[in-house]
Amino acid sequence: MADRVKKNRGAKSNAPDTKPLTTERIALVAGGGSIPVMVAKSLTDAGNPPFVAMLQGDADETLSKYEHLRISTALFGKLVAELKKRRLSKVVFVGSVQGRPKWSDFRPDWTTLKLIARIAVVLRSGDNELLSKMVNAIEDEGIEVLGVHEVLPNLLAGKGKIAGNKPSKTDMDSISVGTQAAMRLGALDAGQGVIVIGKRIVALEGAEGTDEMLERVADLRARGKLPQKAGGVLIKLCKPQQDRRVDMPTIGAKTVQNAANAKLKGIALQAGSTLISDIEATTAKAREMGLFVYGLSPEGSGD
């Protein structure tokens, strides 16, 4: 196909039949979205089916065909105990999580009681700090946490044109403004994405996530609050302090469709730090909708 994800850190082409790097059985803590399903399938195709901890209310039901456990985000201690019981020393957190655990959801199992002081701190943290502290707590229990890109590196966006035409000068000006805004937003541990039209920041990502931010911009267009002529760019960057083992920025075909609904011209991603789920479907959707998908340098610039 004409569009492609460029090579990143020596990885091969970003194709859906990419084989995982690890041959050791791992556990997947699976949230929502298609990437957990893709990772589980790739591991299984390589002869190493995972154990899946399916987060209730988030995980795709098709993951139940693997050896699995259904678990609430509140049952942190139970997760650690189950991994130790199965002698699994590596775990990958992958997929979206809709809500934080509440104190009322916790159950006083022994492992959770041992970790309760750390959990109290975690629940008061920002999203990135919360996830990093959860990772640290699990690793202190002797379980290594891997990033999904360490298992399937070809999910990472490469640098330069990924789909569609190269961004115009106007688009690059928007990207420059959006990059600075996204870095500042990320430094506050508030979000990973912004939308810029011309040189005007029209939306910042918060707890609602990228898709709802795009829907908000589409609604503003429909109500005449933003220019009706198509234009603007979605910019997604890793937070400066981001633990890349968890919650990396992610896009897929749905993101592209929502960006088209918001009448944007394209999407700019941080190369090497953003995941693309189902590259063929995503680039095909971008071509269909006439949008570009462009990988910025790891520093977040368009150079």
Protein backbone atom coordinates (compact mmCIF):
# COMPACT_ATOMS: atom_id res chain seq x y z
CA MET A 1 0.00 0.00 0.00
CA ALA A 2 1.15 3.56 -0.65
CA ASP A 3 0.84 4.73 2.95
CA ARG A 4 3.04 3.16 5.56
CA VAL A 5 4.37 3.50 9.05
CA LYS A 6 8.05 4.21 8.78
CA LYS A 7 10.68 2.14 10.54
CA ASN A 8 11.21 3.00 14.18
CA ARG A 9 14.25 1.96 16.19
CA GLY A 10 14.99 -0.85 13.79
CA ALA A 11 11.47 -2.34 13.79
CA LYS A 12 10.12 -4.01 10.66
CA SER A 13 7.13 -2.69 8.72
CA ASN A 14 4.02 -2.04 10.76
CA ALA A 15 1.94 -5.00 9.54
CA PRO A 16 -0.90 -6.75 11.35
CA ASP A 17 0.91 -10.11 11.38
CA THR A 18 3.87 -8.73 13.38
CA LYS A 19 5.21 -11.32 15.82
CA PRO A 20 5.91 -10.39 19.46
CA LEU A 21 9.47 -10.06 20.70
CA THR A 22 8.99 -12.14 23.84
CA THR A 23 8.76 -15.93 23.97
CA GLU A 24 7.99 -15.99 27.69
CA ARG A 25 4.36 -16.29 28.73
CA ILE A 26 3.04 -12.98 29.94
CA ALA A 27 -0.10 -11.62 31.56
CA LEU A 28 -2.25 -8.94 29.95
CA VAL A 29 -4.22 -6.55 32.12
CA ALA A 30 -6.75 -5.67 29.44
CA GLY A 31 -8.81 -2.51 29.31
CA GLY A 32 -10.99 -1.37 26.44
CA GLY A 33 -10.23 -1.00 22.75
CA SER A 34 -8.81 -3.22 20.03
CA ILE A 35 -5.14 -3.24 21.02
CA PRO A 36 -5.55 -5.79 23.88
CA VAL A 37 -7.27 -8.14 21.41
CA MET A 38 -4.48 -7.60 18.87
CA VAL A 39 -1.75 -8.27 21.43
CA ALA A 40 -3.45 -11.42 22.71
CA LYS A 41 -3.85 -12.75 19.17
CA SER A 42 -0.24 -12.00 18.23
CA LEU A 43 1.07 -13.78 21.33
CA THR A 44 -1.19 -16.75 20.64
CA ASP A 45 -0.18 -16.93 16.98
CA ALA A 46 3.43 -17.07 18.15
CA GLY A 47 2.56 -20.12 20.29
CA ASN A 48 2.52 -18.27 23.59
CA PRO A 49 -1.11 -17.49 24.59
CA PRO A 50 -1.36 -14.99 27.45
CA PHE A 51 -3.20 -15.06 30.75
CA VAL A 52 -5.69 -12.16 30.58
CA ALA A 53 -6.93 -10.11 33.51
CA MET A 54 -10.09 -8.59 31.98
CA LEU A 55 -11.02 -5.27 33.57
CA GLN A 56 -14.75 -5.34 34.24
CA GLY A 57 -16.70 -2.86 32.16
CA ASP A 58 -13.79 -2.19 29.84
CA ALA A 59 -12.27 -5.34 28.30
CA ASP A 60 -13.52 -6.72 24.99
CA GLU A 61 -15.58 -9.86 25.63
CA THR A 62 -13.69 -11.80 22.93
CA LEU A 63 -10.75 -11.97 25.34
CA SER A 64 -12.71 -14.47 27.43
CA LYS A 65 -11.60 -17.26 25.05
CA TYR A 66 -8.16 -17.09 26.65
CA GLU A 67 -7.34 -18.25 30.18
CA HIS A 68 -8.64 -15.26 32.05
CA LEU A 69 -9.77 -13.58 35.22
CA ARG A 70 -12.43 -10.88 35.45
CA ILE A 71 -11.26 -8.21 37.81
CA SER A 72 -12.15 -4.74 39.03
CA THR A 73 -9.52 -2.02 39.06
CA ALA A 74 -10.11 -1.88 42.82
CA LEU A 75 -8.91 -5.46 43.36
CA PHE A 76 -5.24 -4.56 43.00
CA GLY A 77 -4.13 -7.09 45.59
CA LYS A 78 -6.07 -9.90 43.92
CA LEU A 79 -4.32 -9.19 40.63
CA VAL A 80 -0.87 -9.47 42.23
CA ALA A 81 -1.87 -12.67 44.03
CA GLU A 82 -3.24 -14.27 40.84
CA LEU A 83 -0.08 -13.48 38.88
CA LYS A 84 2.08 -14.99 41.60
CA LYS A 85 -0.17 -18.04 41.82
CA ARG A 86 0.40 -18.68 38.11
CA ARG A 87 4.12 -17.90 38.40
CA LEU A 88 3.85 -15.14 35.83
CA SER A 89 6.74 -12.72 36.16
CA LYS A 90 5.85 -10.31 33.33
CA VAL A 91 2.71 -8.25 32.79
CA VAL A 92 1.52 -5.76 30.18
CA PHE A 93 -1.12 -3.11 30.92
CA VAL A 94 -2.95 -2.29 27.71
CA GLY A 95 -6.25 -0.65 26.74
CA SER A 96 -8.41 2.16 28.04
CA VAL A 97 -9.91 2.37 31.52
CA GLN A 98 -13.10 4.38 31.97
CA GLY A 99 -12.98 5.14 35.68
CA ARG A 100 -10.88 5.17 38.82
CA PRO A 101 -11.44 2.73 41.67
CA LYS A 102 -13.30 4.00 44.75
CA TRP A 103 -12.57 3.19 48.37
CA SER A 104 -15.98 1.49 48.65
CA ASP A 105 -14.96 -0.99 45.93
CA PHE A 106 -11.96 -2.39 47.77
CA ARG A 107 -12.04 -5.84 49.39
CA PRO A 108 -9.76 -6.57 52.38
CA ASP A 109 -7.73 -9.47 50.93
CA TRP A 110 -4.30 -9.93 52.49
CA THR A 111 -2.29 -8.62 49.53
CA THR A 112 -4.40 -5.47 49.28
CA LEU A 113 -4.03 -4.87 53.02
CA LYS A 114 -0.25 -5.04 52.65
CA LEU A 115 -0.42 -2.43 49.89
CA ILE A 116 -3.18 -0.24 51.34
CA ALA A 117 -0.90 2.66 52.31
CA ARG A 118 0.45 2.83 48.77
CA ILE A 119 -3.04 2.56 47.28
CA ALA A 120 -4.18 5.53 49.39
CA VAL A 121 -1.47 7.66 47.80
CA VAL A 122 -2.28 6.33 44.33
CA LEU A 123 -5.96 7.34 44.51
CA ARG A 124 -5.00 10.95 45.23
CA SER A 125 -2.67 11.16 42.23
CA GLY A 126 -3.03 12.47 38.70
CA ASP A 127 -3.54 9.90 35.97
CA ASN A 128 0.11 9.42 35.00
CA GLU A 129 1.32 9.48 38.60
CA LEU A 130 -1.42 6.99 39.52
CA LEU A 131 -0.35 4.55 36.80
CA SER A 132 3.36 4.92 37.56
CA LYS A 133 2.79 4.21 41.24
CA MET A 134 0.73 1.14 40.40
CA VAL A 135 3.58 -0.07 38.18
CA ASN A 136 6.12 0.53 40.95
CA ALA A 137 3.98 -1.31 43.50
CA ILE A 138 3.63 -4.34 41.21
CA GLU A 139 7.34 -4.41 40.43
CA ASP A 140 8.10 -4.27 44.15
CA GLU A 141 6.19 -7.56 44.33
CA GLY A 142 8.68 -9.11 41.91
CA ILE A 143 6.60 -8.78 38.71
CA GLU A 144 8.12 -6.95 35.73
CA VAL A 145 5.84 -4.51 33.92
CA LEU A 146 6.45 -4.26 30.16
CA GLY A 147 5.15 -1.63 27.80
CA VAL A 148 2.98 -2.94 24.98
CA HIS A 149 5.55 -1.50 22.55
CA GLU A 150 8.18 -3.74 24.14
CA VAL A 151 6.09 -6.75 23.14
CA LEU A 152 4.85 -5.48 19.75
CA PRO A 153 7.14 -2.62 18.71
CA ASN A 154 5.50 -2.21 15.32
CA LEU A 155 2.41 -0.73 16.94
CA LEU A 156 4.46 2.46 17.33
CA ALA A 157 3.92 5.33 14.92
CA GLY A 158 6.94 6.19 12.81
CA LYS A 159 8.19 9.62 11.75
CA GLY A 160 6.86 11.48 8.72
CA LYS A 161 3.90 10.70 6.48
CA ILE A 162 1.85 7.75 7.71
CA ALA A 163 -1.31 8.34 5.67
CA GLY A 164 -2.62 10.97 3.28
CA ASN A 165 -0.77 14.03 2.02
CA LYS A 166 2.02 15.78 3.86
CA PRO A 167 0.64 18.58 6.08
CA SER A 168 0.51 22.02 4.46
CA LYS A 169 2.32 25.05 5.87
CA THR A 170 -0.93 26.11 7.57
CA ASP A 171 -1.24 22.64 9.08
CA MET A 172 2.39 22.74 10.27
CA ASP A 173 1.75 26.12 11.92
CA SER A 174 -1.22 24.55 13.74
CA ILE A 175 0.95 21.59 14.73
CA SER A 176 3.62 23.93 16.12
CA VAL A 177 1.07 25.73 18.31
CA GLY A 178 -0.56 22.45 19.32
CA THR A 179 2.73 20.80 20.21
CA GLN A 180 3.59 23.53 22.70
CA ALA A 181 0.08 23.39 24.19
CA ALA A 182 0.11 19.58 24.44
CA MET A 183 3.47 19.60 26.21
CA ARG A 184 2.20 22.09 28.78
CA LEU A 185 -1.07 20.19 29.20
CA GLY A 186 0.85 16.95 29.68
CA ALA A 187 3.19 18.52 32.23
CA LEU A 188 0.08 19.19 34.33
CA ASP A 189 -0.85 15.48 34.00
CA ALA A 190 -4.15 16.61 32.51
CA GLY A 191 -4.27 15.11 29.01
CA GLN A 192 -2.39 14.10 25.87
CA GLY A 193 -4.18 15.88 23.05
CA VAL A 194 -5.19 19.29 21.75
CA ILE A 195 -7.06 20.54 18.68
CA VAL A 196 -5.84 23.64 16.86
CA ILE A 197 -7.54 25.49 14.00
CA GLY A 198 -5.18 27.94 12.33
CA LYS A 199 -3.17 29.12 15.32
CA ARG A 200 -6.11 29.00 17.72
CA ILE A 201 -6.36 26.28 20.36
CA VAL A 202 -10.02 25.22 20.31
CA ALA A 203 -9.99 22.15 22.58
CA LEU A 204 -7.84 20.57 25.28
CA GLU A 205 -8.18 16.92 26.23
CA GLY A 206 -9.31 16.24 29.78
CA ALA A 207 -10.83 13.30 31.59
CA GLU A 208 -13.30 12.72 28.73
CA GLY A 209 -10.58 11.44 26.39
CA THR A 210 -9.76 12.09 22.74
CA ASP A 211 -12.96 10.80 21.14
CA GLU A 212 -15.26 12.95 23.27
CA MET A 213 -13.00 15.97 22.72
CA LEU A 214 -13.41 15.44 18.96
CA GLU A 215 -17.18 15.08 19.38
CA ARG A 216 -17.20 18.36 21.30
CA VAL A 217 -15.44 20.13 18.42
CA ALA A 218 -17.86 18.58 15.91
CA ASP A 219 -20.74 19.95 18.01
CA LEU A 220 -19.14 23.41 18.12
CA ARG A 221 -18.89 23.31 14.31
CA ALA A 222 -22.53 22.26 14.01
CA ARG A 223 -23.63 25.15 16.25
CA GLY A 224 -21.61 27.69 14.30
CA LYS A 225 -19.16 28.35 17.13
CA LEU A 226 -16.22 27.36 14.90
CA PRO A 227 -15.54 27.98 11.18
CA GLN A 228 -17.57 25.72 8.90
CA LYS A 229 -14.74 25.31 6.41
CA ALA A 230 -12.68 22.18 7.05
CA GLY A 231 -9.39 22.84 8.81
CA GLY A 232 -7.44 22.15 11.96
CA VAL A 233 -5.31 19.39 13.41
CA LEU A 234 -5.51 16.97 16.32
CA ILE A 235 -2.10 16.75 18.04
CA LYS A 236 -1.37 13.87 20.45
CA LEU A 237 1.85 13.69 22.47
CA CYS A 238 3.14 11.68 25.40
CA LYS A 239 3.17 13.66 28.61
CA PRO A 240 6.75 14.80 29.36
CA GLN A 241 6.80 12.68 32.53
CA GLN A 242 4.88 9.78 30.94
CA ASP A 243 5.76 6.25 31.99
CA ARG A 244 5.71 4.69 28.52
CA ARG A 245 4.85 1.28 29.92
CA VAL A 246 1.29 2.45 30.56
CA ASP A 247 -1.28 4.77 28.95
CA MET A 248 0.65 5.68 25.80
CA PRO A 249 -1.29 7.90 23.38
CA THR A 250 -3.28 5.74 20.97
CA ILE A 251 -5.27 6.29 17.79
CA GLY A 252 -7.21 4.01 15.48
CA ALA A 253 -9.79 4.11 12.70
CA LYS A 254 -12.41 5.47 15.14
CA THR A 255 -10.14 8.41 15.98
CA VAL A 256 -9.75 9.18 12.27
CA GLN A 257 -13.54 9.01 11.74
CA ASN A 258 -14.16 11.34 14.67
CA ALA A 259 -11.50 13.74 13.38
CA ALA A 260 -13.27 13.75 10.01
CA ASN A 261 -16.62 14.39 11.73
CA ALA A 262 -14.98 17.41 13.40
CA LYS A 263 -13.88 18.61 9.92
CA LEU A 264 -10.19 18.46 10.76
CA LYS A 265 -7.49 18.14 8.10
CA GLY A 266 -5.41 15.60 9.94
CA ILE A 267 -3.75 14.10 13.00
CA ALA A 268 -0.17 14.64 14.19
CA LEU A 269 1.40 12.05 16.50
CA GLN A 270 4.63 11.78 18.43
CA ALA A 271 6.72 9.18 16.62
CA GLY A 272 8.02 6.36 18.78
CA SER A 273 5.63 7.27 21.60
CA THR A 274 2.16 6.79 20.09
CA LEU A 275 0.37 3.52 19.34
CA ILE A 276 -1.69 2.93 16.20
CA SER A 277 -4.22 0.13 16.48
CA ASP A 278 -4.77 -1.82 13.26
CA ILE A 279 -2.53 0.21 10.97
CA GLU A 280 -4.20 -0.98 7.77
CA ALA A 281 -7.71 -0.05 8.90
CA THR A 282 -6.50 3.28 10.28
CA THR A 283 -4.63 4.35 7.15
CA ALA A 284 -7.47 3.13 4.93
CA LYS A 285 -9.93 5.23 6.93
CA ALA A 286 -7.61 8.26 6.65
CA ARG A 287 -7.47 7.86 2.87
CA GLU A 288 -11.24 7.44 2.70
CA MET A 289 -11.84 10.57 4.77
CA GLY A 290 -9.10 12.61 3.05
CA LEU A 291 -7.14 13.19 6.28
CA PHE A 292 -3.41 13.03 6.87
CA VAL A 293 -1.76 11.13 9.72
CA TYR A 294 1.74 12.44 10.37
CA GLY A 295 4.47 11.35 12.76
CA LEU A 296 6.35 14.13 14.56
CA SER A 297 9.91 13.68 15.77
CA PRO A 298 10.27 12.08 19.23
CA GLU A 299 10.82 15.59 20.60
CA GLY A 300 7.38 16.57 19.26
CA SER A 301 8.54 18.76 16.36
CA GLY A 302 7.67 18.38 12.69
CA ASP A 303 11.32 18.27 11.59
